Amino acid sequence: MIRIRMSAEDLTCIRIGSGLGPEIEAIFALEVLRGSANHFQAWQKGVRKRLSLQGDLEARLDHLVRTPGVFRNVLRIWTGDHDMASGENTMPFRSHAEARELVQAFCRVAMAPGWPEIQARIDAETDACRQIAGSAGVKTLLSSLHPRIRWQGWSLEIPADEPSEVVLDGRGLVLAPSLFLQSAGEMLVNAEGAGNSVPTLAFPVRFDPRREVLPTGESDGAITARDRQQSLGALVGRTRAALLRAVLDESTTSELADSLGVTAAAVSQHVAILRSAGLITSRRSGTSVLHTVTMLGLHLLRGESARRAGRRTASGARLTARA
């Protein structure tokens, strides 16, 4: 178990990042390449097909992924956490530089074709986490990252093969969602190789089993967007479905009326129904009323399109802890 010890100052310095980039995702994907998760089968098929056209790279990766958990050794080399692990002669590279070259080559094959969709899914998770932190507090967010990650006292406990302890000592923590991470969480204490010198906790995106990542950069959500749009409209009504999408960005009643082409009175009626269903919230700001989507509403929209939900995120937002 890894125990991350925090102070009150650390809690106020927690940030939620928009992932760790394609190279780190490629390293996590080494574990996926040898796995059998249903929601990655289309991705695996596409990657295997492209790898078959690059015989040397395919052979080196096949050699690499035979060892369970090997991605951690590669991750440590990439981020510079420590020297190459013992047993390096079992890996298809002779130096750190060669390991980095292998990661970059695999990234071009496995991540680049579908990266816009992958990043959109990561951004949607980032957005959901920020909503949890904003509505329920940072401690609740930390407890909700993964069923096996626990907030105990002033420590965050993460399952691991070997026990260790990380004391943040006022440095704060970056929470980074990952689409391809298969474990409950991975701690990057020295994450400079990932573009970040602050201690970073990677945690897995919560999967919707109806969706897959496809190598073309499209998801089944993109392919069936019209069907899902029609389904959402059938569930809440076409106008209310459009209103729910519109309040992904906080909007006033008059702004919603203009964008939807209906009267302010009609907007108020639709808002009241969506608010009573727990899909949006409203707050007064001066003479205006601002409306925004709730976590429940966001999950409903994410079934329609993770890309829409991801567009409104901004990386690295600082959070203020709530007791």
C-alpha atoms as a PDB file:
ATOM      1  CA  MET A   1       0.000   0.000   0.000  1.00  0.00           C
ATOM      2  CA  ILE A   2       1.121   3.539  -0.776  1.00  0.00           C
ATOM      3  CA  ARG A   3       0.176   6.067   1.880  1.00  0.00           C
ATOM      4  CA  ILE A   4       0.152   9.730   0.835  1.00  0.00           C
ATOM      5  CA  ARG A   5       0.269  11.932   3.928  1.00  0.00           C
ATOM      6  CA  MET A   6      -1.266  15.384   3.556  1.00  0.00           C
ATOM      7  CA  SER A   7      -1.600  18.537   5.602  1.00  0.00           C
ATOM      8  CA  ALA A   8      -4.380  21.126   5.474  1.00  0.00           C
ATOM      9  CA  GLU A   9      -2.076  23.181   3.236  1.00  0.00           C
ATOM     10  CA  ASP A  10      -1.700  20.237   0.842  1.00  0.00           C
ATOM     11  CA  LEU A  11      -5.459  19.917   0.538  1.00  0.00           C
ATOM     12  CA  THR A  12      -5.736  23.533  -0.562  1.00  0.00           C
ATOM     13  CA  CYS A  13      -3.052  22.904  -3.212  1.00  0.00           C
ATOM     14  CA  ILE A  14      -4.680  19.895  -4.860  1.00  0.00           C
ATOM     15  CA  ARG A  15      -5.130  20.345  -8.597  1.00  0.00           C
ATOM     16  CA  ILE A  16      -6.912  18.263 -11.208  1.00  0.00           C
ATOM     17  CA  GLY A  17      -4.972  17.986 -14.439  1.00  0.00           C
ATOM     18  CA  SER A  18      -6.198  17.002 -17.887  1.00  0.00           C
ATOM     19  CA  GLY A  19      -4.214  13.781 -18.005  1.00  0.00           C
ATOM     20  CA  LEU A  20      -0.504  13.080 -18.410  1.00  0.00           C
ATOM     21  CA  GLY A  21      -0.154  13.176 -22.180  1.00  0.00           C
ATOM     22  CA  PRO A  22       0.055  10.560 -24.945  1.00  0.00           C
ATOM     23  CA  GLU A  23       3.435   9.090 -23.949  1.00  0.00           C
ATOM     24  CA  ILE A  24       2.352   8.233 -20.396  1.00  0.00           C
ATOM     25  CA  GLU A  25      -0.943   6.861 -21.738  1.00  0.00           C
ATOM     26  CA  ALA A  26       1.085   4.726 -24.154  1.00  0.00           C
ATOM     27  CA  ILE A  27       3.082   3.324 -21.227  1.00  0.00           C
ATOM     28  CA  PHE A  28      -0.121   2.455 -19.353  1.00  0.00           C
ATOM     29  CA  ALA A  29      -1.455   0.945 -22.597  1.00  0.00           C
ATOM     30  CA  LEU A  30       1.341  -1.649 -22.562  1.00  0.00           C
ATOM     31  CA  GLU A  31      -0.683  -3.413 -19.864  1.00  0.00           C
ATOM     32  CA  VAL A  32      -3.860  -3.100 -21.945  1.00  0.00           C
ATOM     33  CA  LEU A  33      -2.140  -4.577 -25.005  1.00  0.00           C
ATOM     34  CA  ARG A  34      -1.760  -7.919 -23.212  1.00  0.00           C
ATOM     35  CA  GLY A  35      -5.166  -7.794 -21.498  1.00  0.00           C
ATOM     36  CA  SER A  36      -8.682  -8.838 -22.495  1.00  0.00           C
ATOM     37  CA  ALA A  37     -10.983  -6.008 -21.331  1.00  0.00           C
ATOM     38  CA  ASN A  38     -14.009  -5.858 -23.625  1.00  0.00           C
ATOM     39  CA  HIS A  39     -14.007  -2.068 -23.917  1.00  0.00           C
ATOM     40  CA  PHE A  40     -10.456  -2.116 -25.348  1.00  0.00           C
ATOM     41  CA  GLN A  41     -10.908  -4.892 -27.897  1.00  0.00           C
ATOM     42  CA  ALA A  42     -11.468  -2.557 -30.863  1.00  0.00           C
ATOM     43  CA  TRP A  43      -8.428  -0.515 -29.829  1.00  0.00           C
ATOM     44  CA  GLN A  44      -6.300  -3.668 -29.461  1.00  0.00           C
ATOM     45  CA  LYS A  45      -7.371  -4.946 -32.872  1.00  0.00           C
ATOM     46  CA  GLY A  46      -6.448  -1.679 -34.566  1.00  0.00           C
ATOM     47  CA  VAL A  47      -3.089  -1.412 -32.816  1.00  0.00           C
ATOM     48  CA  ARG A  48      -2.194  -5.035 -33.559  1.00  0.00           C
ATOM     49  CA  LYS A  49      -3.037  -4.485 -37.219  1.00  0.00           C
ATOM     50  CA  ARG A  50      -0.749  -1.439 -37.450  1.00  0.00           C
ATOM     51  CA  LEU A  51       2.005  -3.177 -35.509  1.00  0.00           C
ATOM     52  CA  SER A  52       1.909  -6.101 -37.962  1.00  0.00           C
ATOM     53  CA  LEU A  53       3.164  -3.666 -40.599  1.00  0.00           C
ATOM     54  CA  GLN A  54       6.186  -2.823 -38.439  1.00  0.00           C
ATOM     55  CA  GLY A  55       7.794  -6.179 -37.736  1.00  0.00           C
ATOM     56  CA  ASP A  56      10.727  -5.024 -35.601  1.00  0.00           C
ATOM     57  CA  LEU A  57       8.565  -2.835 -33.354  1.00  0.00           C
ATOM     58  CA  GLU A  58       5.960  -5.585 -33.022  1.00  0.00           C
ATOM     59  CA  ALA A  59       8.607  -8.124 -31.954  1.00  0.00           C
ATOM     60  CA  ARG A  60      10.137  -5.765 -29.390  1.00  0.00           C
ATOM     61  CA  LEU A  61       6.758  -4.943 -27.871  1.00  0.00           C
ATOM     62  CA  ASP A  62       5.703  -8.597 -27.743  1.00  0.00           C
ATOM     63  CA  HIS A  63       8.887  -9.311 -25.812  1.00  0.00           C
ATOM     64  CA  LEU A  64       8.187  -6.372 -23.510  1.00  0.00           C
ATOM     65  CA  VAL A  65       4.562  -7.044 -22.597  1.00  0.00           C
ATOM     66  CA  ARG A  66       5.036 -10.687 -21.647  1.00  0.00           C
ATOM     67  CA  THR A  67       5.992  -9.653 -18.094  1.00  0.00           C
ATOM     68  CA  PRO A  68       3.004  -8.594 -15.950  1.00  0.00           C
ATOM     69  CA  GLY A  69       3.392  -5.098 -14.520  1.00  0.00           C
ATOM     70  CA  VAL A  70       6.329  -4.300 -16.793  1.00  0.00           C
ATOM     71  CA  PHE A  71       4.779  -0.925 -17.556  1.00  0.00           C
ATOM     72  CA  ARG A  72       5.860   0.247 -14.103  1.00  0.00           C
ATOM     73  CA  ASN A  73       9.526  -0.301 -14.949  1.00  0.00           C
ATOM     74  CA  VAL A  74       9.076   1.588 -18.211  1.00  0.00           C
ATOM     75  CA  LEU A  75       7.183   4.348 -16.402  1.00  0.00           C
ATOM     76  CA  ARG A  76       9.980   4.784 -13.874  1.00  0.00           C
ATOM     77  CA  ILE A  77      12.548   4.993 -16.640  1.00  0.00           C
ATOM     78  CA  TRP A  78      10.424   7.548 -18.510  1.00  0.00           C
ATOM     79  CA  THR A  79       9.854   9.757 -15.461  1.00  0.00           C
ATOM     80  CA  GLY A  80      13.370   9.288 -14.050  1.00  0.00           C
ATOM     81  CA  ASP A  81      12.144   7.898 -10.722  1.00  0.00           C
ATOM     82  CA  HIS A  82      15.116   5.509 -10.434  1.00  0.00           C
ATOM     83  CA  ASP A  83      17.611   3.520 -12.460  1.00  0.00           C
ATOM     84  CA  MET A  84      16.492   0.721 -14.717  1.00  0.00           C
ATOM     85  CA  ALA A  85      15.018  -2.106 -12.665  1.00  0.00           C
ATOM     86  CA  SER A  86      16.832  -5.351 -12.042  1.00  0.00           C
ATOM     87  CA  GLY A  87      16.115  -7.907 -14.721  1.00  0.00           C
ATOM     88  CA  GLU A  88      16.682  -5.305 -17.433  1.00  0.00           C
ATOM     89  CA  ASN A  89      18.207  -7.987 -19.672  1.00  0.00           C
ATOM     90  CA  THR A  90      14.704  -9.442 -20.102  1.00  0.00           C
ATOM     91  CA  MET A  91      13.553  -6.213 -21.773  1.00  0.00           C
ATOM     92  CA  PRO A  92      14.048  -5.447 -25.482  1.00  0.00           C
ATOM     93  CA  PHE A  93      16.245  -2.389 -24.942  1.00  0.00           C
ATOM     94  CA  ARG A  94      19.757  -1.753 -23.719  1.00  0.00           C
ATOM     95  CA  SER A  95      19.520   1.781 -22.316  1.00  0.00           C
ATOM     96  CA  HIS A  96      17.140   4.432 -21.028  1.00  0.00           C
ATOM     97  CA  ALA A  97      17.414   6.242 -24.356  1.00  0.00           C
ATOM     98  CA  GLU A  98      16.345   3.110 -26.226  1.00  0.00           C
ATOM     99  CA  ALA A  99      13.439   2.621 -23.813  1.00  0.00           C
ATOM    100  CA  ARG A 100      12.261   6.170 -24.502  1.00  0.00           C
ATOM    101  CA  GLU A 101      12.540   5.582 -28.242  1.00  0.00           C
ATOM    102  CA  LEU A 102      10.403   2.451 -27.901  1.00  0.00           C
ATOM    103  CA  VAL A 103       7.737   4.376 -25.947  1.00  0.00           C
ATOM    104  CA  GLN A 104       7.654   7.109 -28.590  1.00  0.00           C
ATOM    105  CA  ALA A 105       7.359   4.580 -31.410  1.00  0.00           C
ATOM    106  CA  PHE A 106       4.526   2.766 -29.639  1.00  0.00           C
ATOM    107  CA  CYS A 107       2.839   6.092 -28.927  1.00  0.00           C
ATOM    108  CA  ARG A 108       2.771   6.936 -32.631  1.00  0.00           C
ATOM    109  CA  VAL A 109       1.069   3.628 -33.384  1.00  0.00           C
ATOM    110  CA  ALA A 110      -1.230   3.283 -30.380  1.00  0.00           C
ATOM    111  CA  MET A 111      -2.145   6.832 -29.283  1.00  0.00           C
ATOM    112  CA  ALA A 112      -1.820   9.229 -32.206  1.00  0.00           C
ATOM    113  CA  PRO A 113      -4.661   7.874 -34.409  1.00  0.00           C
ATOM    114  CA  GLY A 114      -7.296   8.277 -31.696  1.00  0.00           C
ATOM    115  CA  TRP A 115      -5.771  10.943 -29.467  1.00  0.00           C
ATOM    116  CA  PRO A 116      -8.495  13.642 -29.866  1.00  0.00           C
ATOM    117  CA  GLU A 117     -11.155  11.191 -28.639  1.00  0.00           C
ATOM    118  CA  ILE A 118      -8.885   9.843 -25.896  1.00  0.00           C
ATOM    119  CA  GLN A 119      -8.162  13.363 -24.624  1.00  0.00           C
ATOM    120  CA  ALA A 120     -11.862  14.240 -24.787  1.00  0.00           C
ATOM    121  CA  ARG A 121     -12.686  11.265 -22.554  1.00  0.00           C
ATOM    122  CA  ILE A 122      -9.959  12.291 -20.105  1.00  0.00           C
ATOM    123  CA  ASP A 123     -11.196  15.894 -20.134  1.00  0.00           C
ATOM    124  CA  ALA A 124     -14.747  14.715 -19.398  1.00  0.00           C
ATOM    125  CA  GLU A 125     -13.461  12.848 -16.329  1.00  0.00           C
ATOM    126  CA  THR A 126     -11.511  15.935 -15.257  1.00  0.00           C
ATOM    127  CA  ASP A 127     -14.681  17.988 -15.546  1.00  0.00           C
ATOM    128  CA  ALA A 128     -16.651  15.479 -13.480  1.00  0.00           C
ATOM    129  CA  CYS A 129     -13.989  15.509 -10.753  1.00  0.00           C
ATOM    130  CA  ARG A 130     -14.046  19.291 -10.572  1.00  0.00           C
ATOM    131  CA  GLN A 131     -17.807  19.228 -10.156  1.00  0.00           C
ATOM    132  CA  ILE A 132     -17.502  16.745  -7.273  1.00  0.00           C
ATOM    133  CA  ALA A 133     -14.851  18.913  -5.603  1.00  0.00           C
ATOM    134  CA  GLY A 134     -16.921  22.046  -6.090  1.00  0.00           C
ATOM    135  CA  SER A 135     -20.173  20.591  -4.781  1.00  0.00           C
ATOM    136  CA  ALA A 136     -19.021  18.120  -2.115  1.00  0.00           C
ATOM    137  CA  GLY A 137     -15.442  19.095  -1.293  1.00  0.00           C
ATOM    138  CA  VAL A 138     -11.952  17.799  -1.978  1.00  0.00           C
ATOM    139  CA  LYS A 139     -12.111  15.056   0.655  1.00  0.00           C
ATOM    140  CA  THR A 140     -15.181  13.602  -1.036  1.00  0.00           C
ATOM    141  CA  LEU A 141     -13.380  13.743  -4.373  1.00  0.00           C
ATOM    142  CA  LEU A 142     -10.373  11.888  -2.953  1.00  0.00           C
ATOM    143  CA  SER A 143     -12.687   9.179  -1.625  1.00  0.00           C
ATOM    144  CA  SER A 144     -14.392   8.797  -5.011  1.00  0.00           C
ATOM    145  CA  LEU A 145     -11.344   8.382  -7.272  1.00  0.00           C
ATOM    146  CA  HIS A 146     -11.524   4.563  -7.200  1.00  0.00           C
ATOM    147  CA  PRO A 147     -13.274   1.969  -4.985  1.00  0.00           C
ATOM    148  CA  ARG A 148      -9.867   0.777  -3.746  1.00  0.00           C
ATOM    149  CA  ILE A 149      -8.463   4.258  -2.983  1.00  0.00           C
ATOM    150  CA  ARG A 150      -9.340   5.335   0.569  1.00  0.00           C
ATOM    151  CA  TRP A 151      -9.148   8.614   2.442  1.00  0.00           C
ATOM    152  CA  GLN A 152      -8.189   7.787   6.029  1.00  0.00           C
ATOM    153  CA  GLY A 153      -7.560  10.608   8.473  1.00  0.00           C
ATOM    154  CA  TRP A 154      -5.027  12.825   6.728  1.00  0.00           C
ATOM    155  CA  SER A 155      -3.763  10.122   4.386  1.00  0.00           C
ATOM    156  CA  LEU A 156      -4.757   8.805   0.969  1.00  0.00           C
ATOM    157  CA  GLU A 157      -4.216   5.038   0.740  1.00  0.00           C
ATOM    158  CA  ILE A 158      -3.583   3.372  -2.632  1.00  0.00           C
ATOM    159  CA  PRO A 159      -3.169  -0.394  -3.196  1.00  0.00           C
ATOM    160  CA  ALA A 160       0.386  -1.391  -4.161  1.00  0.00           C
ATOM    161  CA  ASP A 161       2.574  -4.495  -4.151  1.00  0.00           C
ATOM    162  CA  GLU A 162       5.162  -2.841  -1.909  1.00  0.00           C
ATOM    163  CA  PRO A 163       4.408  -0.517   1.017  1.00  0.00           C
ATOM    164  CA  SER A 164       5.685   3.053   0.814  1.00  0.00           C
ATOM    165  CA  GLU A 165       4.894   6.473   2.189  1.00  0.00           C
ATOM    166  CA  VAL A 166       4.848   9.856   0.468  1.00  0.00           C
ATOM    167  CA  VAL A 167       4.808  13.021   2.590  1.00  0.00           C
ATOM    168  CA  LEU A 168       3.646  15.945   0.491  1.00  0.00           C
ATOM    169  CA  ASP A 169       5.029  18.525   2.932  1.00  0.00           C
ATOM    170  CA  GLY A 170       3.082  21.442   1.476  1.00  0.00           C
ATOM    171  CA  ARG A 171       3.826  20.625  -2.177  1.00  0.00           C
ATOM    172  CA  GLY A 172       0.245  19.674  -2.934  1.00  0.00           C
ATOM    173  CA  LEU A 173      -0.846  16.944  -5.318  1.00  0.00           C
ATOM    174  CA  VAL A 174      -1.934  16.729  -8.941  1.00  0.00           C
ATOM    175  CA  LEU A 175      -4.764  14.287  -9.706  1.00  0.00           C
ATOM    176  CA  ALA A 176      -4.473  13.052 -13.282  1.00  0.00           C
ATOM    177  CA  PRO A 177      -7.150  10.828 -14.886  1.00  0.00           C
ATOM    178  CA  SER A 178      -5.946   8.156 -17.305  1.00  0.00           C
ATOM    179  CA  LEU A 179      -7.944   6.238 -19.889  1.00  0.00           C
ATOM    180  CA  PHE A 180      -5.569   3.264 -20.113  1.00  0.00           C
ATOM    181  CA  LEU A 181      -4.418   2.830 -16.496  1.00  0.00           C
ATOM    182  CA  GLN A 182      -5.527  -0.598 -15.242  1.00  0.00           C
ATOM    183  CA  SER A 183      -4.588  -0.328 -11.556  1.00  0.00           C
ATOM    184  CA  ALA A 184      -6.442   1.656  -8.878  1.00  0.00           C
ATOM    185  CA  GLY A 185      -3.770   4.341  -8.986  1.00  0.00           C
ATOM    186  CA  GLU A 186      -0.125   5.037  -9.786  1.00  0.00           C
ATOM    187  CA  MET A 187       1.935   7.543  -7.811  1.00  0.00           C
ATOM    188  CA  LEU A 188       4.513   9.546  -9.739  1.00  0.00           C
ATOM    189  CA  VAL A 189       6.614  11.162  -7.026  1.00  0.00           C
ATOM    190  CA  ASN A 190       9.092  12.547  -9.519  1.00  0.00           C
ATOM    191  CA  ALA A 191       6.893  13.349 -12.473  1.00  0.00           C
ATOM    192  CA  GLU A 192       9.252  15.683 -14.323  1.00  0.00           C
ATOM    193  CA  GLY A 193       9.372  13.156 -17.150  1.00  0.00           C
ATOM    194  CA  ALA A 194       5.611  13.605 -17.435  1.00  0.00           C
ATOM    195  CA  GLY A 195       5.974  17.388 -17.623  1.00  0.00           C
ATOM    196  CA  ASN A 196       5.180  17.986 -13.967  1.00  0.00           C
ATOM    197  CA  SER A 197       7.503  18.229 -10.950  1.00  0.00           C
ATOM    198  CA  VAL A 198       4.656  18.159  -8.380  1.00  0.00           C
ATOM    199  CA  PRO A 199       3.765  14.710  -6.930  1.00  0.00           C
ATOM    200  CA  THR A 200       1.104  13.261  -9.203  1.00  0.00           C
ATOM    201  CA  LEU A 201      -1.498  10.566  -8.689  1.00  0.00           C
ATOM    202  CA  ALA A 202      -2.759   8.932 -11.868  1.00  0.00           C
ATOM    203  CA  PHE A 203      -6.159   7.271 -11.478  1.00  0.00           C
ATOM    204  CA  PRO A 204      -8.352   5.451 -14.020  1.00  0.00           C
ATOM    205  CA  VAL A 205     -11.231   7.020 -15.896  1.00  0.00           C
ATOM    206  CA  ARG A 206     -14.539   5.466 -14.885  1.00  0.00           C
ATOM    207  CA  PHE A 207     -15.635   3.484 -17.928  1.00  0.00           C
ATOM    208  CA  ASP A 208     -19.029   3.512 -19.518  1.00  0.00           C
ATOM    209  CA  PRO A 209     -19.185  -0.121 -20.792  1.00  0.00           C
ATOM    210  CA  ARG A 210     -21.278   1.026 -23.772  1.00  0.00           C
ATOM    211  CA  ARG A 211     -18.331   2.974 -25.190  1.00  0.00           C
ATOM    212  CA  GLU A 212     -15.048   1.898 -26.768  1.00  0.00           C
ATOM    213  CA  VAL A 213     -11.937   3.729 -27.877  1.00  0.00           C
ATOM    214  CA  LEU A 214     -11.457   3.106 -31.581  1.00  0.00           C
ATOM    215  CA  PRO A 215      -8.132   3.452 -33.416  1.00  0.00           C
ATOM    216  CA  THR A 216      -9.660   5.801 -35.988  1.00  0.00           C
ATOM    217  CA  GLY A 217     -10.181   8.477 -33.345  1.00  0.00           C
ATOM    218  CA  GLU A 218     -13.909   7.902 -33.348  1.00  0.00           C
ATOM    219  CA  SER A 219     -15.834   6.180 -30.573  1.00  0.00           C
ATOM    220  CA  ASP A 220     -19.064   4.308 -30.776  1.00  0.00           C
ATOM    221  CA  GLY A 221     -20.470   7.405 -29.073  1.00  0.00           C
ATOM    222  CA  ALA A 222     -19.430   9.461 -32.107  1.00  0.00           C
ATOM    223  CA  ILE A 223     -20.798   6.862 -34.494  1.00  0.00           C
ATOM    224  CA  THR A 224     -24.190   6.742 -32.755  1.00  0.00           C
ATOM    225  CA  ALA A 225     -24.375  10.386 -31.676  1.00  0.00           C
ATOM    226  CA  ARG A 226     -27.646  10.878 -33.588  1.00  0.00           C
ATOM    227  CA  ASP A 227     -29.226   7.864 -31.886  1.00  0.00           C
ATOM    228  CA  ARG A 228     -28.128   9.053 -28.440  1.00  0.00           C
ATOM    229  CA  GLN A 229     -29.320  12.577 -29.147  1.00  0.00           C
ATOM    230  CA  GLN A 230     -32.718  11.189 -30.107  1.00  0.00           C
ATOM    231  CA  SER A 231     -32.759   8.986 -26.996  1.00  0.00           C
ATOM    232  CA  LEU A 232     -32.019  11.928 -24.712  1.00  0.00           C
ATOM    233  CA  GLY A 233     -34.720  13.936 -26.451  1.00  0.00           C
ATOM    234  CA  ALA A 234     -37.213  11.100 -25.998  1.00  0.00           C
ATOM    235  CA  LEU A 235     -36.324  10.932 -22.302  1.00  0.00           C
ATOM    236  CA  VAL A 236     -36.587  14.602 -21.332  1.00  0.00           C
ATOM    237  CA  GLY A 237     -38.052  16.268 -24.438  1.00  0.00           C
ATOM    238  CA  ARG A 238     -36.173  17.866 -27.339  1.00  0.00           C
ATOM    239  CA  THR A 239     -36.187  21.391 -25.947  1.00  0.00           C
ATOM    240  CA  ARG A 240     -35.120  20.300 -22.480  1.00  0.00           C
ATOM    241  CA  ALA A 241     -32.387  18.109 -23.997  1.00  0.00           C
ATOM    242  CA  ALA A 242     -31.073  21.141 -25.899  1.00  0.00           C
ATOM    243  CA  LEU A 243     -31.306  23.230 -22.727  1.00  0.00           C
ATOM    244  CA  LEU A 244     -29.352  20.637 -20.761  1.00  0.00           C
ATOM    245  CA  ARG A 245     -26.566  20.712 -23.361  1.00  0.00           C
ATOM    246  CA  ALA A 246     -26.602  24.509 -23.352  1.00  0.00           C
ATOM    247  CA  VAL A 247     -25.970  24.752 -19.599  1.00  0.00           C
ATOM    248  CA  LEU A 248     -22.690  22.845 -19.842  1.00  0.00           C
ATOM    249  CA  ASP A 249     -21.520  26.460 -19.830  1.00  0.00           C
ATOM    250  CA  GLU A 250     -23.282  28.417 -17.089  1.00  0.00           C
ATOM    251  CA  SER A 251     -26.027  30.488 -18.737  1.00  0.00           C
ATOM    252  CA  THR A 252     -28.684  32.987 -17.747  1.00  0.00           C
ATOM    253  CA  THR A 253     -32.374  32.559 -18.497  1.00  0.00           C
ATOM    254  CA  SER A 254     -32.242  35.195 -21.241  1.00  0.00           C
ATOM    255  CA  GLU A 255     -29.161  33.611 -22.820  1.00  0.00           C
ATOM    256  CA  LEU A 256     -30.935  30.244 -22.907  1.00  0.00           C
ATOM    257  CA  ALA A 257     -34.024  31.829 -24.436  1.00  0.00           C
ATOM    258  CA  ASP A 258     -31.898  33.388 -27.199  1.00  0.00           C
ATOM    259  CA  SER A 259     -29.944  30.204 -27.952  1.00  0.00           C
ATOM    260  CA  LEU A 260     -33.015  27.950 -27.954  1.00  0.00           C
ATOM    261  CA  GLY A 261     -35.337  30.372 -29.738  1.00  0.00           C
ATOM    262  CA  VAL A 262     -38.062  30.257 -27.073  1.00  0.00           C
ATOM    263  CA  THR A 263     -39.425  32.755 -24.565  1.00  0.00           C
ATOM    264  CA  ALA A 264     -37.887  33.375 -21.153  1.00  0.00           C
ATOM    265  CA  ALA A 265     -41.115  32.089 -19.605  1.00  0.00           C
ATOM    266  CA  ALA A 266     -40.770  28.811 -21.505  1.00  0.00           C
ATOM    267  CA  VAL A 267     -37.138  28.508 -20.372  1.00  0.00           C
ATOM    268  CA  SER A 268     -38.225  29.002 -16.754  1.00  0.00           C
ATOM    269  CA  GLN A 269     -40.759  26.190 -17.074  1.00  0.00           C
ATOM    270  CA  HIS A 270     -38.222  23.788 -18.602  1.00  0.00           C
ATOM    271  CA  VAL A 271     -35.595  24.783 -16.011  1.00  0.00           C
ATOM    272  CA  ALA A 272     -38.021  24.053 -13.182  1.00  0.00           C
ATOM    273  CA  ILE A 273     -38.610  20.515 -14.513  1.00  0.00           C
ATOM    274  CA  LEU A 274     -34.897  19.795 -15.024  1.00  0.00           C
ATOM    275  CA  ARG A 275     -34.048  21.255 -11.624  1.00  0.00           C
ATOM    276  CA  SER A 276     -36.665  19.122  -9.882  1.00  0.00           C
ATOM    277  CA  ALA A 277     -35.126  16.072 -11.581  1.00  0.00           C
ATOM    278  CA  GLY A 278     -31.696  17.040 -10.204  1.00  0.00           C
ATOM    279  CA  LEU A 279     -30.198  17.647 -13.653  1.00  0.00           C
ATOM    280  CA  ILE A 280     -29.400  21.361 -13.276  1.00  0.00           C
ATOM    281  CA  THR A 281     -28.919  23.894 -10.493  1.00  0.00           C
ATOM    282  CA  SER A 282     -29.754  27.597 -10.451  1.00  0.00           C
ATOM    283  CA  ARG A 283     -28.334  30.512  -8.490  1.00  0.00           C
ATOM    284  CA  ARG A 284     -29.061  34.224  -8.428  1.00  0.00           C
ATOM    285  CA  SER A 285     -26.346  36.677  -9.474  1.00  0.00           C
ATOM    286  CA  GLY A 286     -27.532  40.257  -9.190  1.00  0.00           C
ATOM    287  CA  THR A 287     -30.649  40.601 -11.311  1.00  0.00           C
ATOM    288  CA  SER A 288     -29.953  37.423 -13.296  1.00  0.00           C
ATOM    289  CA  VAL A 289     -30.388  33.712 -12.553  1.00  0.00           C
ATOM    290  CA  LEU A 290     -27.529  31.466 -13.662  1.00  0.00           C
ATOM    291  CA  HIS A 291     -28.144  27.809 -14.546  1.00  0.00           C
ATOM    292  CA  THR A 292     -25.584  25.009 -14.816  1.00  0.00           C
ATOM    293  CA  VAL A 293     -25.602  21.224 -15.214  1.00  0.00           C
ATOM    294  CA  THR A 294     -25.291  18.975 -12.145  1.00  0.00           C
ATOM    295  CA  MET A 295     -23.205  15.838 -11.796  1.00  0.00           C
ATOM    296  CA  LEU A 296     -26.280  13.734 -12.630  1.00  0.00           C
ATOM    297  CA  GLY A 297     -26.983  15.839 -15.696  1.00  0.00           C
ATOM    298  CA  LEU A 298     -23.369  15.576 -16.774  1.00  0.00           C
ATOM    299  CA  HIS A 299     -23.466  11.782 -16.562  1.00  0.00           C
ATOM    300  CA  LEU A 300     -26.625  11.795 -18.678  1.00  0.00           C
ATOM    301  CA  LEU A 301     -24.913  13.958 -21.282  1.00  0.00           C
ATOM    302  CA  ARG A 302     -21.744  11.871 -21.189  1.00  0.00           C
ATOM    303  CA  GLY A 303     -23.806   8.975 -22.458  1.00  0.00           C
ATOM    304  CA  GLU A 304     -24.543  11.163 -25.470  1.00  0.00           C
ATOM    305  CA  SER A 305     -21.069  12.581 -26.077  1.00  0.00           C
ATOM    306  CA  ALA A 306     -18.007  12.691 -23.858  1.00  0.00           C
ATOM    307  CA  ARG A 307     -16.437  15.126 -26.292  1.00  0.00           C
ATOM    308  CA  ARG A 308     -19.049  17.829 -25.587  1.00  0.00           C
ATOM    309  CA  ALA A 309     -18.555  17.470 -21.862  1.00  0.00           C
ATOM    310  CA  GLY A 310     -14.781  17.659 -22.241  1.00  0.00           C
ATOM    311  CA  ARG A 311     -14.673  20.898 -24.245  1.00  0.00           C
ATOM    312  CA  ARG A 312     -15.430  23.157 -21.298  1.00  0.00           C
ATOM    313  CA  THR A 313     -12.550  22.020 -19.057  1.00  0.00           C
ATOM    314  CA  ALA A 314      -9.465  24.079 -18.228  1.00  0.00           C
ATOM    315  CA  SER A 315      -6.369  22.256 -17.056  1.00  0.00           C
ATOM    316  CA  GLY A 316      -4.743  22.733 -13.704  1.00  0.00           C
ATOM    317  CA  ALA A 317      -7.572  24.513 -11.867  1.00  0.00           C
ATOM    318  CA  ARG A 318      -6.689  25.098  -8.204  1.00  0.00           C
ATOM    319  CA  LEU A 319      -9.216  23.861  -5.708  1.00  0.00           C
ATOM    320  CA  THR A 320     -10.038  25.211  -2.273  1.00  0.00           C
ATOM    321  CA  ALA A 321     -10.578  22.428   0.273  1.00  0.00           C
ATOM    322  CA  ARG A 322     -13.819  22.282   2.138  1.00  0.00           C
ATOM    323  CA  ALA A 323     -13.977  20.801   5.630  1.00  0.00           C
END
